[in-house]
Amino acid sequence: MAREQGLTEEQVSGIEDGFEDEARLSERDKAVLRLTDAIIGDPRSLSDQAKADIRAQLSEAETVEVALGVGLFMGLSKVLITLGLEPETMDTTVVATPGSA
Protein backbone atom coordinates (compact mmCIF):
# COMPACT_ATOMS: atom_id res chain seq x y z
CA MET A 1 0.00 0.00 0.00
CA ALA A 2 2.86 2.37 0.80
CA ARG A 3 4.30 1.86 -2.68
CA GLU A 4 0.90 2.43 -4.24
CA GLN A 5 0.75 5.72 -2.36
CA GLY A 6 4.14 6.80 -3.66
CA LEU A 7 6.74 5.55 -1.16
CA THR A 8 10.03 5.04 -2.95
CA GLU A 9 13.17 3.09 -2.07
CA GLU A 10 15.01 6.43 -2.03
CA GLN A 11 12.68 7.71 0.70
CA VAL A 12 13.08 4.51 2.69
CA SER A 13 16.87 4.72 2.45
CA GLY A 14 16.65 8.32 3.74
CA ILE A 15 15.08 7.20 6.99
CA GLU A 16 17.73 6.76 9.62
CA ASP A 17 17.46 5.32 13.08
CA GLY A 18 16.29 8.13 15.31
CA PHE A 19 14.70 10.42 12.73
CA GLU A 20 13.81 11.06 9.14
CA ASP A 21 15.30 12.99 6.26
CA GLU A 22 13.43 16.30 6.38
CA ALA A 23 13.68 16.94 2.65
CA ARG A 24 12.24 13.66 1.40
CA LEU A 25 9.23 13.01 3.61
CA SER A 26 5.89 14.73 4.01
CA GLU A 27 4.68 16.03 7.36
CA ARG A 28 2.26 13.09 7.41
CA ASP A 29 5.12 10.60 6.94
CA LYS A 30 7.09 12.30 9.70
CA ALA A 31 4.11 12.04 12.04
CA VAL A 32 3.84 8.31 11.34
CA LEU A 33 7.56 7.88 12.06
CA ARG A 34 7.29 9.85 15.32
CA LEU A 35 4.45 7.60 16.45
CA THR A 36 6.29 4.46 15.36
CA ASP A 37 9.52 5.52 17.09
CA ALA A 38 7.60 6.17 20.31
CA ILE A 39 5.90 2.76 20.21
CA ILE A 40 9.14 0.93 19.48
CA GLY A 41 11.24 2.98 21.88
CA ASP A 42 9.73 4.83 24.82
CA PRO A 43 5.98 5.44 24.55
CA ARG A 44 6.30 8.25 27.09
CA SER A 45 8.79 10.07 24.85
CA LEU A 46 6.16 11.90 22.78
CA SER A 47 5.97 15.55 23.73
CA ASP A 48 2.65 17.37 23.75
CA GLN A 49 3.75 19.09 20.52
CA ALA A 50 4.56 15.76 18.85
CA LYS A 51 1.15 14.42 19.88
CA ALA A 52 -0.51 17.51 18.42
CA ASP A 53 1.48 17.09 15.19
CA ILE A 54 0.35 13.47 14.92
CA ARG A 55 -3.30 14.45 15.54
CA ALA A 56 -3.00 17.15 12.88
CA GLN A 57 -1.70 14.70 10.27
CA LEU A 58 -3.58 11.48 11.06
CA SER A 59 -7.20 10.76 11.83
CA GLU A 60 -7.99 8.84 15.00
CA ALA A 61 -8.62 5.70 12.92
CA GLU A 62 -5.28 6.11 11.10
CA THR A 63 -3.45 6.59 14.38
CA VAL A 64 -5.00 3.40 15.77
CA GLU A 65 -4.15 1.52 12.55
CA VAL A 66 -0.49 2.57 12.71
CA ALA A 67 -0.22 1.84 16.44
CA LEU A 68 -1.80 -1.61 16.17
CA GLY A 69 0.19 -2.48 13.06
CA VAL A 70 3.48 -1.58 14.72
CA GLY A 71 2.48 -3.41 17.90
CA LEU A 72 1.51 -6.57 16.02
CA PHE A 73 4.74 -6.59 14.01
CA MET A 74 6.79 -6.05 17.17
CA GLY A 75 5.01 -8.87 18.97
CA LEU A 76 5.38 -11.26 16.07
CA SER A 77 9.07 -10.46 15.67
CA LYS A 78 9.69 -11.16 19.38
CA VAL A 79 7.92 -14.53 19.12
CA LEU A 80 9.88 -15.51 16.01
CA ILE A 81 13.19 -14.52 17.59
CA THR A 82 12.34 -16.36 20.82
CA LEU A 83 11.52 -19.53 18.87
CA GLY A 84 14.62 -19.17 16.71
CA LEU A 85 12.53 -18.78 13.58
CA GLU A 86 13.77 -15.45 12.27
CA PRO A 87 15.03 -15.68 8.70
CA GLU A 88 18.70 -15.14 7.95
CA THR A 89 17.72 -13.02 4.96
CA MET A 90 14.35 -11.66 4.06
CA ASP A 91 13.18 -10.66 0.60
CA THR A 92 10.67 -7.85 0.28
CA THR A 93 7.25 -9.18 -0.57
CA VAL A 94 4.34 -6.91 -1.43
CA VAL A 95 1.07 -8.28 -0.10
CA ALA A 96 -2.24 -6.53 -0.65
CA THR A 97 -3.86 -5.24 2.52
CA PRO A 98 -7.16 -7.05 3.14
CA GLY A 99 -10.08 -4.92 2.05
CA SER A 100 -7.93 -2.52 0.02
CA ALA A 101 -9.00 -3.81 -3.38
PDB file of N, CA and C in Angstrom:
ATOM      1  N   MET A   1       0.822  -1.178   0.000  1.00  0.00           N
ATOM      2  CA  MET A   1       0.000   0.000   0.000  1.00  0.00           C
ATOM      3  C   MET A   1       0.877   1.257   0.000  1.00  0.00           C
ATOM      4  N   ALA A   2       1.972   1.209   0.745  1.00  0.00           N
ATOM      5  CA  ALA A   2       2.863   2.373   0.795  1.00  0.00           C
ATOM      6  C   ALA A   2       3.425   2.678  -0.582  1.00  0.00           C
ATOM      7  N   ARG A   3       3.785   1.645  -1.316  1.00  0.00           N
ATOM      8  CA  ARG A   3       4.303   1.855  -2.675  1.00  0.00           C
ATOM      9  C   ARG A   3       3.218   2.422  -3.579  1.00  0.00           C
ATOM     10  N   GLU A   4       2.009   1.911  -3.444  1.00  0.00           N
ATOM     11  CA  GLU A   4       0.895   2.429  -4.244  1.00  0.00           C
ATOM     12  C   GLU A   4       0.647   3.903  -3.959  1.00  0.00           C
ATOM     13  N   GLN A   5       0.957   4.335  -2.749  1.00  0.00           N
ATOM     14  CA  GLN A   5       0.746   5.724  -2.363  1.00  0.00           C
ATOM     15  C   GLN A   5       1.971   6.590  -2.605  1.00  0.00           C
ATOM     16  N   GLY A   6       3.008   5.994  -3.242  1.00  0.00           N
ATOM     17  CA  GLY A   6       4.141   6.798  -3.665  1.00  0.00           C
ATOM     18  C   GLY A   6       5.431   6.629  -2.892  1.00  0.00           C
ATOM     19  N   LEU A   7       5.500   5.750  -1.894  1.00  0.00           N
ATOM     20  CA  LEU A   7       6.739   5.547  -1.157  1.00  0.00           C
ATOM     21  C   LEU A   7       7.779   4.918  -2.064  1.00  0.00           C
ATOM     22  N   THR A   8       8.961   5.524  -2.086  1.00  0.00           N
ATOM     23  CA  THR A   8      10.034   5.035  -2.951  1.00  0.00           C
ATOM     24  C   THR A   8      11.162   4.453  -2.112  1.00  0.00           C
ATOM     25  N   GLU A   9      12.006   3.645  -2.757  1.00  0.00           N
ATOM     26  CA  GLU A   9      13.170   3.093  -2.069  1.00  0.00           C
ATOM     27  C   GLU A   9      14.103   4.214  -1.624  1.00  0.00           C
ATOM     28  N   GLU A  10      14.171   5.287  -2.401  1.00  0.00           N
ATOM     29  CA  GLU A  10      15.010   6.429  -2.030  1.00  0.00           C
ATOM     30  C   GLU A  10      14.528   7.045  -0.708  1.00  0.00           C
ATOM     31  N   GLN A  11      13.207   7.176  -0.557  1.00  0.00           N
ATOM     32  CA  GLN A  11      12.677   7.706   0.698  1.00  0.00           C
ATOM     33  C   GLN A  11      12.989   6.765   1.858  1.00  0.00           C
ATOM     34  N   VAL A  12      12.807   5.484   1.630  1.00  0.00           N
ATOM     35  CA  VAL A  12      13.078   4.512   2.688  1.00  0.00           C
ATOM     36  C   VAL A  12      14.546   4.570   3.102  1.00  0.00           C
ATOM     37  N   SER A  13      15.443   4.672   2.125  1.00  0.00           N
ATOM     38  CA  SER A  13      16.871   4.725   2.451  1.00  0.00           C
ATOM     39  C   SER A  13      17.234   6.019   3.171  1.00  0.00           C
ATOM     40  N   GLY A  14      16.401   7.058   3.056  1.00  0.00           N
ATOM     41  CA  GLY A  14      16.653   8.321   3.740  1.00  0.00           C
ATOM     42  C   GLY A  14      16.220   8.329   5.190  1.00  0.00           C
ATOM     43  N   ILE A  15      15.536   7.277   5.614  1.00  0.00           N
ATOM     44  CA  ILE A  15      15.079   7.197   6.994  1.00  0.00           C
ATOM     45  C   ILE A  15      16.179   6.553   7.816  1.00  0.00           C
ATOM     46  N   GLU A  16      16.665   7.280   8.783  1.00  0.00           N
ATOM     47  CA  GLU A  16      17.734   6.762   9.622  1.00  0.00           C
ATOM     48  C   GLU A  16      17.198   6.502  11.010  1.00  0.00           C
ATOM     49  N   ASP A  17      17.859   5.630  11.716  1.00  0.00           N
ATOM     50  CA  ASP A  17      17.456   5.323  13.079  1.00  0.00           C
ATOM     51  C   ASP A  17      17.473   6.608  13.896  1.00  0.00           C
ATOM     52  N   GLY A  18      16.370   6.938  14.480  1.00  0.00           N
ATOM     53  CA  GLY A  18      16.292   8.130  15.308  1.00  0.00           C
ATOM     54  C   GLY A  18      15.454   9.218  14.684  1.00  0.00           C
ATOM     55  N   PHE A  19      15.585   9.454  13.378  1.00  0.00           N
ATOM     56  CA  PHE A  19      14.703  10.418  12.730  1.00  0.00           C
ATOM     57  C   PHE A  19      14.789  10.356  11.230  1.00  0.00           C
ATOM     58  N   GLU A  20      14.003  11.151  10.583  1.00  0.00           N
ATOM     59  CA  GLU A  20      13.811  11.057   9.144  1.00  0.00           C
ATOM     60  C   GLU A  20      14.452  12.224   8.391  1.00  0.00           C
ATOM     61  N   ASP A  21      14.731  11.983   7.147  1.00  0.00           N
ATOM     62  CA  ASP A  21      15.297  12.993   6.262  1.00  0.00           C
ATOM     63  C   ASP A  21      14.219  14.041   5.989  1.00  0.00           C
ATOM     64  N   GLU A  22      14.427  15.233   6.491  1.00  0.00           N
ATOM     65  CA  GLU A  22      13.432  16.300   6.385  1.00  0.00           C
ATOM     66  C   GLU A  22      13.031  16.613   4.946  1.00  0.00           C
ATOM     67  N   ALA A  23      13.952  16.512   4.020  1.00  0.00           N
ATOM     68  CA  ALA A  23      13.684  16.941   2.648  1.00  0.00           C
ATOM     69  C   ALA A  23      12.839  15.945   1.864  1.00  0.00           C
ATOM     70  N   ARG A  24      12.867  14.683   2.222  1.00  0.00           N
ATOM     71  CA  ARG A  24      12.237  13.664   1.399  1.00  0.00           C
ATOM     72  C   ARG A  24      10.846  13.243   1.856  1.00  0.00           C
ATOM     73  N   LEU A  25      10.474  13.524   3.080  1.00  0.00           N
ATOM     74  CA  LEU A  25       9.225  13.011   3.612  1.00  0.00           C
ATOM     75  C   LEU A  25       8.219  14.122   3.896  1.00  0.00           C
ATOM     76  N   SER A  26       6.962  13.778   3.715  1.00  0.00           N
ATOM     77  CA  SER A  26       5.888  14.732   4.008  1.00  0.00           C
ATOM     78  C   SER A  26       5.703  14.852   5.524  1.00  0.00           C
ATOM     79  N   GLU A  27       4.976  15.863   5.938  1.00  0.00           N
ATOM     80  CA  GLU A  27       4.676  16.029   7.365  1.00  0.00           C
ATOM     81  C   GLU A  27       3.893  14.823   7.883  1.00  0.00           C
ATOM     82  N   ARG A  28       3.036  14.276   7.048  1.00  0.00           N
ATOM     83  CA  ARG A  28       2.258  13.093   7.409  1.00  0.00           C
ATOM     84  C   ARG A  28       3.188  11.906   7.668  1.00  0.00           C
ATOM     85  N   ASP A  29       4.154  11.692   6.763  1.00  0.00           N
ATOM     86  CA  ASP A  29       5.117  10.600   6.935  1.00  0.00           C
ATOM     87  C   ASP A  29       5.925  10.792   8.214  1.00  0.00           C
ATOM     88  N   LYS A  30       6.319  12.012   8.486  1.00  0.00           N
ATOM     89  CA  LYS A  30       7.092  12.299   9.697  1.00  0.00           C
ATOM     90  C   LYS A  30       6.272  12.004  10.950  1.00  0.00           C
ATOM     91  N   ALA A  31       4.979  12.320  10.901  1.00  0.00           N
ATOM     92  CA  ALA A  31       4.105  12.035  12.040  1.00  0.00           C
ATOM     93  C   ALA A  31       4.010  10.529  12.288  1.00  0.00           C
ATOM     94  N   VAL A  32       3.891   9.766  11.208  1.00  0.00           N
ATOM     95  CA  VAL A  32       3.843   8.307  11.336  1.00  0.00           C
ATOM     96  C   VAL A  32       5.138   7.791  11.949  1.00  0.00           C
ATOM     97  N   LEU A  33       6.273   8.317  11.510  1.00  0.00           N
ATOM     98  CA  LEU A  33       7.558   7.880  12.063  1.00  0.00           C
ATOM     99  C   LEU A  33       7.706   8.267  13.538  1.00  0.00           C
ATOM    100  N   ARG A  34       7.230   9.449  13.907  1.00  0.00           N
ATOM    101  CA  ARG A  34       7.293   9.854  15.316  1.00  0.00           C
ATOM    102  C   ARG A  34       6.494   8.872  16.186  1.00  0.00           C
ATOM    103  N   LEU A  35       5.295   8.541  15.715  1.00  0.00           N
ATOM    104  CA  LEU A  35       4.454   7.603  16.453  1.00  0.00           C
ATOM    105  C   LEU A  35       5.115   6.228  16.528  1.00  0.00           C
ATOM    106  N   THR A  36       5.628   5.764  15.404  1.00  0.00           N
ATOM    107  CA  THR A  36       6.292   4.456  15.355  1.00  0.00           C
ATOM    108  C   THR A  36       7.508   4.425  16.275  1.00  0.00           C
ATOM    109  N   ASP A  37       8.335   5.463  16.225  1.00  0.00           N
ATOM    110  CA  ASP A  37       9.519   5.524  17.087  1.00  0.00           C
ATOM    111  C   ASP A  37       9.130   5.479  18.564  1.00  0.00           C
ATOM    112  N   ALA A  38       8.044   6.161  18.921  1.00  0.00           N
ATOM    113  CA  ALA A  38       7.604   6.169  20.315  1.00  0.00           C
ATOM    114  C   ALA A  38       7.122   4.783  20.743  1.00  0.00           C
ATOM    115  N   ILE A  39       6.396   4.098  19.871  1.00  0.00           N
ATOM    116  CA  ILE A  39       5.900   2.761  20.212  1.00  0.00           C
ATOM    117  C   ILE A  39       7.060   1.791  20.361  1.00  0.00           C
ATOM    118  N   ILE A  40       8.005   1.845  19.443  1.00  0.00           N
ATOM    119  CA  ILE A  40       9.141   0.928  19.482  1.00  0.00           C
ATOM    120  C   ILE A  40      10.092   1.267  20.621  1.00  0.00           C
ATOM    121  N   GLY A  41      10.293   2.546  20.856  1.00  0.00           N
ATOM    122  CA  GLY A  41      11.244   2.976  21.881  1.00  0.00           C
ATOM    123  C   GLY A  41      10.570   3.210  23.219  1.00  0.00           C
ATOM    124  N   ASP A  42      10.333   4.452  23.541  1.00  0.00           N
ATOM    125  CA  ASP A  42       9.727   4.830  24.821  1.00  0.00           C
ATOM    126  C   ASP A  42       8.400   5.519  24.551  1.00  0.00           C
ATOM    127  N   PRO A  43       7.288   4.852  24.817  1.00  0.00           N
ATOM    128  CA  PRO A  43       5.976   5.442  24.551  1.00  0.00           C
ATOM    129  C   PRO A  43       5.732   6.765  25.280  1.00  0.00           C
ATOM    130  N   ARG A  44       6.453   6.991  26.354  1.00  0.00           N
ATOM    131  CA  ARG A  44       6.298   8.252  27.091  1.00  0.00           C
ATOM    132  C   ARG A  44       7.140   9.369  26.493  1.00  0.00           C
ATOM    133  N   SER A  45       7.866   9.083  25.410  1.00  0.00           N
ATOM    134  CA  SER A  45       8.788  10.072  24.853  1.00  0.00           C
ATOM    135  C   SER A  45       8.102  11.130  24.006  1.00  0.00           C
ATOM    136  N   LEU A  46       6.848  10.915  23.630  1.00  0.00           N
ATOM    137  CA  LEU A  46       6.163  11.896  22.784  1.00  0.00           C
ATOM    138  C   LEU A  46       5.824  13.153  23.580  1.00  0.00           C
ATOM    139  N   SER A  47       6.308  14.278  23.105  1.00  0.00           N
ATOM    140  CA  SER A  47       5.974  15.552  23.732  1.00  0.00           C
ATOM    141  C   SER A  47       4.535  15.925  23.368  1.00  0.00           C
ATOM    142  N   ASP A  48       3.987  16.895  24.088  1.00  0.00           N
ATOM    143  CA  ASP A  48       2.645  17.372  23.750  1.00  0.00           C
ATOM    144  C   ASP A  48       2.609  17.909  22.326  1.00  0.00           C
ATOM    145  N   GLN A  49       3.685  18.559  21.892  1.00  0.00           N
ATOM    146  CA  GLN A  49       3.746  19.086  20.524  1.00  0.00           C
ATOM    147  C   GLN A  49       3.753  17.953  19.504  1.00  0.00           C
ATOM    148  N   ALA A  50       4.516  16.903  19.762  1.00  0.00           N
ATOM    149  CA  ALA A  50       4.558  15.758  18.851  1.00  0.00           C
ATOM    150  C   ALA A  50       3.187  15.103  18.758  1.00  0.00           C
ATOM    151  N   LYS A  51       2.501  14.975  19.882  1.00  0.00           N
ATOM    152  CA  LYS A  51       1.148  14.416  19.879  1.00  0.00           C
ATOM    153  C   LYS A  51       0.204  15.291  19.054  1.00  0.00           C
ATOM    154  N   ALA A  52       0.332  16.590  19.206  1.00  0.00           N
ATOM    155  CA  ALA A  52      -0.508  17.514  18.423  1.00  0.00           C
ATOM    156  C   ALA A  52      -0.201  17.394  16.934  1.00  0.00           C
ATOM    157  N   ASP A  53       1.086  17.248  16.591  1.00  0.00           N
ATOM    158  CA  ASP A  53       1.480  17.085  15.191  1.00  0.00           C
ATOM    159  C   ASP A  53       0.884  15.806  14.603  1.00  0.00           C
ATOM    160  N   ILE A  54       0.913  14.735  15.380  1.00  0.00           N
ATOM    161  CA  ILE A  54       0.349  13.468  14.920  1.00  0.00           C
ATOM    162  C   ILE A  54      -1.155  13.618  14.709  1.00  0.00           C
ATOM    163  N   ARG A  55      -1.845  14.240  15.675  1.00  0.00           N
ATOM    164  CA  ARG A  55      -3.299  14.447  15.541  1.00  0.00           C
ATOM    165  C   ARG A  55      -3.631  15.331  14.343  1.00  0.00           C
ATOM    166  N   ALA A  56      -2.752  16.261  14.023  1.00  0.00           N
ATOM    167  CA  ALA A  56      -2.995  17.152  12.881  1.00  0.00           C
ATOM    168  C   ALA A  56      -2.826  16.422  11.545  1.00  0.00           C
ATOM    169  N   GLN A  57      -2.011  15.390  11.511  1.00  0.00           N
ATOM    170  CA  GLN A  57      -1.700  14.700  10.266  1.00  0.00           C
ATOM    171  C   GLN A  57      -2.492  13.407  10.063  1.00  0.00           C
ATOM    172  N   LEU A  58      -2.912  12.777  11.153  1.00  0.00           N
ATOM    173  CA  LEU A  58      -3.580  11.483  11.060  1.00  0.00           C
ATOM    174  C   LEU A  58      -4.930  11.529  11.759  1.00  0.00           C
ATOM    175  N   SER A  59      -5.908  10.873  11.158  1.00  0.00           N
ATOM    176  CA  SER A  59      -7.197  10.756  11.833  1.00  0.00           C
ATOM    177  C   SER A  59      -7.039   9.807  13.014  1.00  0.00           C
ATOM    178  N   GLU A  60      -8.040   9.761  13.865  1.00  0.00           N
ATOM    179  CA  GLU A  60      -7.992   8.839  15.001  1.00  0.00           C
ATOM    180  C   GLU A  60      -7.892   7.399  14.510  1.00  0.00           C
ATOM    181  N   ALA A  61      -8.657   7.065  13.473  1.00  0.00           N
ATOM    182  CA  ALA A  61      -8.617   5.701  12.924  1.00  0.00           C
ATOM    183  C   ALA A  61      -7.248   5.377  12.345  1.00  0.00           C
ATOM    184  N   GLU A  62      -6.615   6.330  11.664  1.00  0.00           N
ATOM    185  CA  GLU A  62      -5.282   6.107  11.100  1.00  0.00           C
ATOM    186  C   GLU A  62      -4.246   5.933  12.198  1.00  0.00           C
ATOM    187  N   THR A  63      -4.373   6.707  13.260  1.00  0.00           N
ATOM    188  CA  THR A  63      -3.449   6.590  14.385  1.00  0.00           C
ATOM    189  C   THR A  63      -3.560   5.207  15.012  1.00  0.00           C
ATOM    190  N   VAL A  64      -4.778   4.738  15.203  1.00  0.00           N
ATOM    191  CA  VAL A  64      -4.998   3.404  15.766  1.00  0.00           C
ATOM    192  C   VAL A  64      -4.438   2.337  14.827  1.00  0.00           C
ATOM    193  N   GLU A  65      -4.657   2.496  13.519  1.00  0.00           N
ATOM    194  CA  GLU A  65      -4.153   1.519  12.553  1.00  0.00           C
ATOM    195  C   GLU A  65      -2.628   1.430  12.590  1.00  0.00           C
ATOM    196  N   VAL A  66      -1.960   2.568  12.630  1.00  0.00           N
ATOM    197  CA  VAL A  66      -0.495   2.572  12.708  1.00  0.00           C
ATOM    198  C   VAL A  66      -0.039   1.931  14.018  1.00  0.00           C
ATOM    199  N   ALA A  67      -0.641   2.344  15.131  1.00  0.00           N
ATOM    200  CA  ALA A  67      -0.224   1.836  16.442  1.00  0.00           C
ATOM    201  C   ALA A  67      -0.416   0.328  16.541  1.00  0.00           C
ATOM    202  N   LEU A  68      -1.562  -0.170  16.108  1.00  0.00           N
ATOM    203  CA  LEU A  68      -1.803  -1.611  16.174  1.00  0.00           C
ATOM    204  C   LEU A  68      -0.904  -2.371  15.209  1.00  0.00           C
ATOM    205  N   GLY A  69      -0.693  -1.829  14.027  1.00  0.00           N
ATOM    206  CA  GLY A  69       0.192  -2.485  13.061  1.00  0.00           C
ATOM    207  C   GLY A  69       1.602  -2.620  13.597  1.00  0.00           C
ATOM    208  N   VAL A  70       2.126  -1.540  14.151  1.00  0.00           N
ATOM    209  CA  VAL A  70       3.482  -1.577  14.720  1.00  0.00           C
ATOM    210  C   VAL A  70       3.533  -2.553  15.890  1.00  0.00           C
ATOM    211  N   GLY A  71       2.522  -2.506  16.754  1.00  0.00           N
ATOM    212  CA  GLY A  71       2.485  -3.408  17.902  1.00  0.00           C
ATOM    213  C   GLY A  71       2.426  -4.869  17.492  1.00  0.00           C
ATOM    214  N   LEU A  72       1.619  -5.181  16.496  1.00  0.00           N
ATOM    215  CA  LEU A  72       1.512  -6.567  16.022  1.00  0.00           C
ATOM    216  C   LEU A  72       2.823  -7.048  15.413  1.00  0.00           C
ATOM    217  N   PHE A  73       3.453  -6.213  14.595  1.00  0.00           N
ATOM    218  CA  PHE A  73       4.741  -6.594  14.009  1.00  0.00           C
ATOM    219  C   PHE A  73       5.804  -6.783  15.080  1.00  0.00           C
ATOM    220  N   MET A  74       5.807  -5.902  16.072  1.00  0.00           N
ATOM    221  CA  MET A  74       6.785  -6.047  17.166  1.00  0.00           C
ATOM    222  C   MET A  74       6.562  -7.353  17.908  1.00  0.00           C
ATOM    223  N   GLY A  75       5.315  -7.637  18.249  1.00  0.00           N
ATOM    224  CA  GLY A  75       5.008  -8.865  18.974  1.00  0.00           C
ATOM    225  C   GLY A  75       5.392 -10.101  18.191  1.00  0.00           C
ATOM    226  N   LEU A  76       5.050 -10.117  16.902  1.00  0.00           N
ATOM    227  CA  LEU A  76       5.380 -11.263  16.065  1.00  0.00           C
ATOM    228  C   LEU A  76       6.892 -11.435  15.953  1.00  0.00           C
ATOM    229  N   SER A  77       7.618 -10.352  15.799  1.00  0.00           N
ATOM    230  CA  SER A  77       9.070 -10.463  15.671  1.00  0.00           C
ATOM    231  C   SER A  77       9.683 -11.026  16.953  1.00  0.00           C
ATOM    232  N   LYS A  78       9.169 -10.636  18.106  1.00  0.00           N
ATOM    233  CA  LYS A  78       9.688 -11.160  19.383  1.00  0.00           C
ATOM    234  C   LYS A  78       9.432 -12.661  19.484  1.00  0.00           C
ATOM    235  N   VAL A  79       8.243 -13.105  19.078  1.00  0.00           N
ATOM    236  CA  VAL A  79       7.918 -14.534  19.121  1.00  0.00           C
ATOM    237  C   VAL A  79       8.844 -15.312  18.187  1.00  0.00           C
ATOM    238  N   LEU A  80       9.021 -14.818  16.966  1.00  0.00           N
ATOM    239  CA  LEU A  80       9.881 -15.512  16.012  1.00  0.00           C
ATOM    240  C   LEU A  80      11.315 -15.604  16.507  1.00  0.00           C
ATOM    241  N   ILE A  81      11.820 -14.524  17.066  1.00  0.00           N
ATOM    242  CA  ILE A  81      13.188 -14.525  17.589  1.00  0.00           C
ATOM    243  C   ILE A  81      13.304 -15.498  18.765  1.00  0.00           C
ATOM    244  N   THR A  82      12.328 -15.469  19.665  1.00  0.00           N
ATOM    245  CA  THR A  82      12.342 -16.360  20.825  1.00  0.00           C
ATOM    246  C   THR A  82      12.353 -17.825  20.402  1.00  0.00           C
ATOM    247  N   LEU A  83      11.598 -18.145  19.355  1.00  0.00           N
ATOM    248  CA  LEU A  83      11.518 -19.527  18.874  1.00  0.00           C
ATOM    249  C   LEU A  83      12.648 -19.886  17.917  1.00  0.00           C
ATOM    250  N   GLY A  84      13.518 -18.915  17.628  1.00  0.00           N
ATOM    251  CA  GLY A  84      14.624 -19.168  16.710  1.00  0.00           C
ATOM    252  C   GLY A  84      14.179 -19.305  15.264  1.00  0.00           C
ATOM    253  N   LEU A  85      13.094 -18.644  14.915  1.00  0.00           N
ATOM    254  CA  LEU A  85      12.525 -18.785  13.578  1.00  0.00           C
ATOM    255  C   LEU A  85      12.748 -17.576  12.673  1.00  0.00           C
ATOM    256  N   GLU A  86      13.546 -16.627  13.126  1.00  0.00           N
ATOM    257  CA  GLU A  86      13.773 -15.454  12.274  1.00  0.00           C
ATOM    258  C   GLU A  86      14.619 -15.858  11.070  1.00  0.00           C
ATOM    259  N   PRO A  87      14.275 -15.319   9.904  1.00  0.00           N
ATOM    260  CA  PRO A  87      15.033 -15.682   8.699  1.00  0.00           C
ATOM    261  C   PRO A  87      16.409 -15.034   8.699  1.00  0.00           C
ATOM    262  N   GLU A  88      17.362 -15.716   8.072  1.00  0.00           N
ATOM    263  CA  GLU A  88      18.701 -15.138   7.949  1.00  0.00           C
ATOM    264  C   GLU A  88      18.683 -13.975   6.974  1.00  0.00           C
ATOM    265  N   THR A  89      17.940 -14.110   5.902  1.00  0.00           N
ATOM    266  CA  THR A  89      17.723 -13.017   4.956  1.00  0.00           C
ATOM    267  C   THR A  89      16.240 -12.969   4.666  1.00  0.00           C
ATOM    268  N   MET A  90      15.766 -11.795   4.304  1.00  0.00           N
ATOM    269  CA  MET A  90      14.345 -11.659   4.060  1.00  0.00           C
ATOM    270  C   MET A  90      14.126 -10.801   2.814  1.00  0.00           C
ATOM    271  N   ASP A  91      13.540 -11.407   1.792  1.00  0.00           N
ATOM    272  CA  ASP A  91      13.185 -10.656   0.601  1.00  0.00           C
ATOM    273  C   ASP A  91      11.977  -9.802   0.882  1.00  0.00           C
ATOM    274  N   THR A  92      11.842  -8.702   0.172  1.00  0.00           N
ATOM    275  CA  THR A  92      10.674  -7.853   0.275  1.00  0.00           C
ATOM    276  C   THR A  92       9.542  -8.460  -0.536  1.00  0.00           C
ATOM    277  N   THR A  93       8.423  -8.648   0.099  1.00  0.00           N
ATOM    278  CA  THR A  93       7.246  -9.184  -0.572  1.00  0.00           C
ATOM    279  C   THR A  93       6.108  -8.195  -0.398  1.00  0.00           C
ATOM    280  N   VAL A  94       5.482  -7.826  -1.496  1.00  0.00           N
ATOM    281  CA  VAL A  94       4.344  -6.906  -1.433  1.00  0.00           C
ATOM    282  C   VAL A  94       3.084  -7.743  -1.378  1.00  0.00           C
ATOM    283  N   VAL A  95       2.315  -7.554  -0.305  1.00  0.00           N
ATOM    284  CA  VAL A  95       1.066  -8.283  -0.097  1.00  0.00           C
ATOM    285  C   VAL A  95      -0.042  -7.256   0.037  1.00  0.00           C
ATOM    286  N   ALA A  96      -1.119  -7.467  -0.709  1.00  0.00           N
ATOM    287  CA  ALA A  96      -2.241  -6.532  -0.653  1.00  0.00           C
ATOM    288  C   ALA A  96      -2.845  -6.529   0.751  1.00  0.00           C
ATOM    289  N   THR A  97      -3.208  -5.355   1.244  1.00  0.00           N
ATOM    290  CA  THR A  97      -3.863  -5.237   2.521  1.00  0.00           C
ATOM    291  C   THR A  97      -5.308  -5.716   2.369  1.00  0.00           C
ATOM    292  N   PRO A  98      -5.775  -6.585   3.256  1.00  0.00           N
ATOM    293  CA  PRO A  98      -7.160  -7.052   3.141  1.00  0.00           C
ATOM    294  C   PRO A  98      -8.141  -5.883   3.091  1.00  0.00           C
ATOM    295  N   GLY A  99      -9.070  -5.962   2.186  1.00  0.00           N
ATOM    296  CA  GLY A  99     -10.080  -4.918   2.054  1.00  0.00           C
ATOM    297  C   GLY A  99      -9.636  -3.689   1.285  1.00  0.00           C
ATOM    298  N   SER A 100      -8.427  -3.710   0.721  1.00  0.00           N
ATOM    299  CA  SER A 100      -7.930  -2.515   0.015  1.00  0.00           C
ATOM    300  C   SER A 100      -8.154  -2.583  -1.489  1.00  0.00           C
ATOM    301  N   ALA A 101      -8.803  -3.627  -1.946  1.00  0.00           N
ATOM    302  CA  ALA A 101      -9.003  -3.810  -3.385  1.00  0.00           C
ATOM    303  C   ALA A 101      -9.898  -2.779  -3.996  1.00  0.00           C
TER     304      ALA A 101
END
